[in-house]
Amino acid sequence: MFRRLIFEDSAALFTLVAFITAVSIFVSITWRALRMKRPQLAHSEQLPFSTPTPAARHDSDPAA
């Protein structure tokens, strides 16, 4: 019956590996963002607005 239980040491190991993986992902994203060049930063700032957006229906015809 007790052979199917997860041992405490292996559970702690898996938790530690998951934490180290998550921290390494966040640190690498932060490091990459901090080292971004100015032209790439300016391009990323304007990404949602790089293409013209058509006006909404309620903005285009105020009389209707």
C-alpha atoms as a PDB file:
ATOM      1  CA  MET A   1       0.000   0.000   0.000  1.00  0.00           C
ATOM      2  CA  PHE A   2       2.776   2.444   0.865  1.00  0.00           C
ATOM      3  CA  ARG A   3       4.761   1.718  -2.284  1.00  0.00           C
ATOM      4  CA  ARG A   4       2.539   4.045  -4.341  1.00  0.00           C
ATOM      5  CA  LEU A   5       3.088   7.089  -2.115  1.00  0.00           C
ATOM      6  CA  ILE A   6       5.292   9.916  -3.328  1.00  0.00           C
ATOM      7  CA  PHE A   7       8.295  10.242  -1.090  1.00  0.00           C
ATOM      8  CA  GLU A   8       8.898  13.641   0.466  1.00  0.00           C
ATOM      9  CA  ASP A   9      12.409  13.993  -0.961  1.00  0.00           C
ATOM     10  CA  SER A  10      11.303  13.464  -4.564  1.00  0.00           C
ATOM     11  CA  ALA A  11       8.362  15.868  -4.150  1.00  0.00           C
ATOM     12  CA  ALA A  12      10.715  18.521  -2.767  1.00  0.00           C
ATOM     13  CA  LEU A  13      13.093  17.903  -5.662  1.00  0.00           C
ATOM     14  CA  PHE A  14      10.342  18.355  -8.255  1.00  0.00           C
ATOM     15  CA  THR A  15       9.188  21.545  -6.540  1.00  0.00           C
ATOM     16  CA  LEU A  16      12.723  22.912  -6.518  1.00  0.00           C
ATOM     17  CA  VAL A  17      13.266  22.068 -10.191  1.00  0.00           C
ATOM     18  CA  ALA A  18       9.968  23.759 -11.145  1.00  0.00           C
ATOM     19  CA  PHE A  19      10.880  26.866  -9.128  1.00  0.00           C
ATOM     20  CA  ILE A  20      14.350  27.085 -10.683  1.00  0.00           C
ATOM     21  CA  THR A  21      12.850  26.669 -14.162  1.00  0.00           C
ATOM     22  CA  ALA A  22      10.290  29.432 -13.603  1.00  0.00           C
ATOM     23  CA  VAL A  23      12.880  31.818 -12.127  1.00  0.00           C
ATOM     24  CA  SER A  24      15.286  31.189 -14.997  1.00  0.00           C
ATOM     25  CA  ILE A  25      12.564  31.970 -17.551  1.00  0.00           C
ATOM     26  CA  PHE A  26      11.627  35.241 -15.827  1.00  0.00           C
ATOM     27  CA  VAL A  27      15.270  36.270 -15.376  1.00  0.00           C
ATOM     28  CA  SER A  28      16.085  35.553 -19.028  1.00  0.00           C
ATOM     29  CA  ILE A  29      13.069  37.576 -20.236  1.00  0.00           C
ATOM     30  CA  THR A  30      14.026  40.472 -17.954  1.00  0.00           C
ATOM     31  CA  TRP A  31      17.677  40.341 -19.036  1.00  0.00           C
ATOM     32  CA  ARG A  32      16.695  40.328 -22.693  1.00  0.00           C
ATOM     33  CA  ALA A  33      14.310  43.265 -22.215  1.00  0.00           C
ATOM     34  CA  LEU A  34      16.946  45.300 -20.376  1.00  0.00           C
ATOM     35  CA  ARG A  35      19.542  44.714 -23.098  1.00  0.00           C
ATOM     36  CA  MET A  36      17.197  45.688 -25.942  1.00  0.00           C
ATOM     37  CA  LYS A  37      18.634  48.226 -28.407  1.00  0.00           C
ATOM     38  CA  ARG A  38      16.944  51.613 -28.840  1.00  0.00           C
ATOM     39  CA  PRO A  39      15.635  51.016 -32.423  1.00  0.00           C
ATOM     40  CA  GLN A  40      14.102  47.712 -31.366  1.00  0.00           C
ATOM     41  CA  LEU A  41      12.632  49.368 -28.269  1.00  0.00           C
ATOM     42  CA  ALA A  42      11.081  52.148 -30.366  1.00  0.00           C
ATOM     43  CA  HIS A  43       9.643  49.555 -32.744  1.00  0.00           C
ATOM     44  CA  SER A  44       8.184  47.529 -29.850  1.00  0.00           C
ATOM     45  CA  GLU A  45       6.608  50.631 -28.335  1.00  0.00           C
ATOM     46  CA  GLN A  46       4.625  51.270 -31.527  1.00  0.00           C
ATOM     47  CA  LEU A  47       3.634  47.678 -32.333  1.00  0.00           C
ATOM     48  CA  PRO A  48      -0.095  47.877 -31.612  1.00  0.00           C
ATOM     49  CA  PHE A  49      -0.339  51.126 -33.583  1.00  0.00           C
ATOM     50  CA  SER A  50       1.885  50.268 -36.564  1.00  0.00           C
ATOM     51  CA  THR A  51      -1.133  49.697 -38.845  1.00  0.00           C
ATOM     52  CA  PRO A  52      -4.012  52.173 -39.123  1.00  0.00           C
ATOM     53  CA  THR A  53      -7.140  51.069 -37.317  1.00  0.00           C
ATOM     54  CA  PRO A  54     -10.493  51.779 -38.993  1.00  0.00           C
ATOM     55  CA  ALA A  55     -12.930  53.913 -37.052  1.00  0.00           C
ATOM     56  CA  ALA A  56     -15.645  52.180 -35.092  1.00  0.00           C
ATOM     57  CA  ARG A  57     -19.193  52.318 -36.430  1.00  0.00           C
ATOM     58  CA  HIS A  58     -20.378  54.691 -33.724  1.00  0.00           C
ATOM     59  CA  ASP A  59     -17.433  57.042 -34.410  1.00  0.00           C
ATOM     60  CA  SER A  60     -17.856  57.302 -38.176  1.00  0.00           C
ATOM     61  CA  ASP A  61     -21.442  58.595 -38.434  1.00  0.00           C
ATOM     62  CA  PRO A  62     -22.555  60.793 -35.518  1.00  0.00           C
ATOM     63  CA  ALA A  63     -25.916  61.799 -37.123  1.00  0.00           C
ATOM     64  CA  ALA A  64     -27.240  58.244 -37.440  1.00  0.00           C
END
